[in-house]
Amino acid sequence: MKIQIDSLGLPTLSKLIGKKSQLEMADGTLADLVACIVDRHRRQAGKILLDQEGQLDMAIQVMINDEGFLNSFSD
């Protein structure tokens, strides 16, 4: 499945992956998507997206299909 990523309000992430980018991945969770981004862009993406415990940083807001926000891997 193709996933459209718009990195709004995250200039360091936008610089790394582009303001709008697409990823191709199998169905999965938010954790799978973040792991895919980190695998593709290495440690720099992990520093932007993850906290010290390896969880999604609380400052990151993820919107799905222009509706609602997820703010953790368990949502």
Protein backbone atom coordinates (compact mmCIF):
# COMPACT_ATOMS: atom_id res chain seq x y z
CA MET A 1 0.00 0.00 0.00
CA LYS A 2 1.21 3.53 -0.72
CA ILE A 3 1.29 5.91 2.22
CA GLN A 4 1.45 9.66 1.71
CA ILE A 5 3.51 11.46 4.35
CA ASP A 6 3.17 15.22 4.80
CA SER A 7 5.73 16.41 7.32
CA LEU A 8 4.09 19.64 8.40
CA GLY A 9 5.62 21.66 11.20
CA LEU A 10 8.69 19.42 11.39
CA PRO A 11 11.39 21.26 9.44
CA THR A 12 14.13 18.77 10.30
CA LEU A 13 11.99 15.85 9.12
CA SER A 14 10.90 17.78 6.01
CA LYS A 15 14.53 18.44 5.16
CA LEU A 16 15.33 14.74 5.56
CA ILE A 17 12.38 13.10 3.76
CA GLY A 18 10.77 16.03 1.93
CA LYS A 19 7.61 17.97 2.78
CA LYS A 20 5.55 15.38 0.92
CA SER A 21 6.78 11.87 0.29
CA GLN A 22 5.37 8.42 -0.33
CA LEU A 23 6.31 5.08 1.14
CA GLU A 24 5.33 1.69 -0.14
CA MET A 25 4.74 -0.82 2.65
CA ALA A 26 2.51 -3.69 3.60
CA ASP A 27 -0.41 -3.02 5.92
CA GLY A 28 0.82 -2.23 9.39
CA THR A 29 0.71 -0.07 12.44
CA LEU A 30 2.04 3.37 13.23
CA ALA A 31 5.07 1.65 14.79
CA ASP A 32 5.65 -0.19 11.48
CA LEU A 33 5.45 3.08 9.54
CA VAL A 34 7.93 4.82 11.85
CA ALA A 35 10.26 1.79 11.67
CA CYS A 36 10.09 1.98 7.86
CA ILE A 37 10.99 5.69 7.90
CA VAL A 38 13.86 5.08 10.34
CA ASP A 39 15.13 2.12 8.27
CA ARG A 40 15.11 4.24 5.15
CA HIS A 41 16.64 7.40 6.67
CA ARG A 42 18.70 5.84 9.45
CA ARG A 43 19.46 7.26 12.86
CA GLN A 44 18.72 10.85 11.94
CA ALA A 45 15.02 10.03 11.46
CA GLY A 46 14.99 8.13 14.75
CA LYS A 47 16.36 11.18 16.55
CA ILE A 48 13.54 13.29 15.10
CA LEU A 49 10.64 10.86 15.66
CA LEU A 50 11.50 8.83 18.74
CA ASP A 51 12.03 9.64 22.40
CA GLN A 52 14.80 8.18 24.56
CA GLU A 53 12.77 5.02 25.20
CA GLY A 54 12.25 4.41 21.48
CA GLN A 55 8.60 5.45 21.57
CA LEU A 56 7.00 8.04 19.31
CA ASP A 57 7.96 11.44 20.69
CA MET A 58 4.95 13.07 22.38
CA ALA A 59 5.54 16.23 20.31
CA ILE A 60 4.78 14.29 17.10
CA GLN A 61 1.16 14.30 15.98
CA VAL A 62 0.06 11.82 13.34
CA MET A 63 -3.13 12.48 11.40
CA ILE A 64 -4.75 9.69 9.44
CA ASN A 65 -6.88 10.53 6.41
CA ASP A 66 -7.29 14.14 7.58
CA GLU A 67 -9.15 12.88 10.67
CA GLY A 68 -8.06 12.50 14.26
CA PHE A 69 -4.62 12.27 15.71
CA LEU A 70 -2.55 9.38 17.01
CA ASN A 71 0.09 10.23 19.54
CA SER A 72 1.51 6.87 20.51
CA PHE A 73 2.30 3.48 19.06
CA SER A 74 -0.56 1.95 21.04
CA ASP A 75 -3.34 4.15 19.56
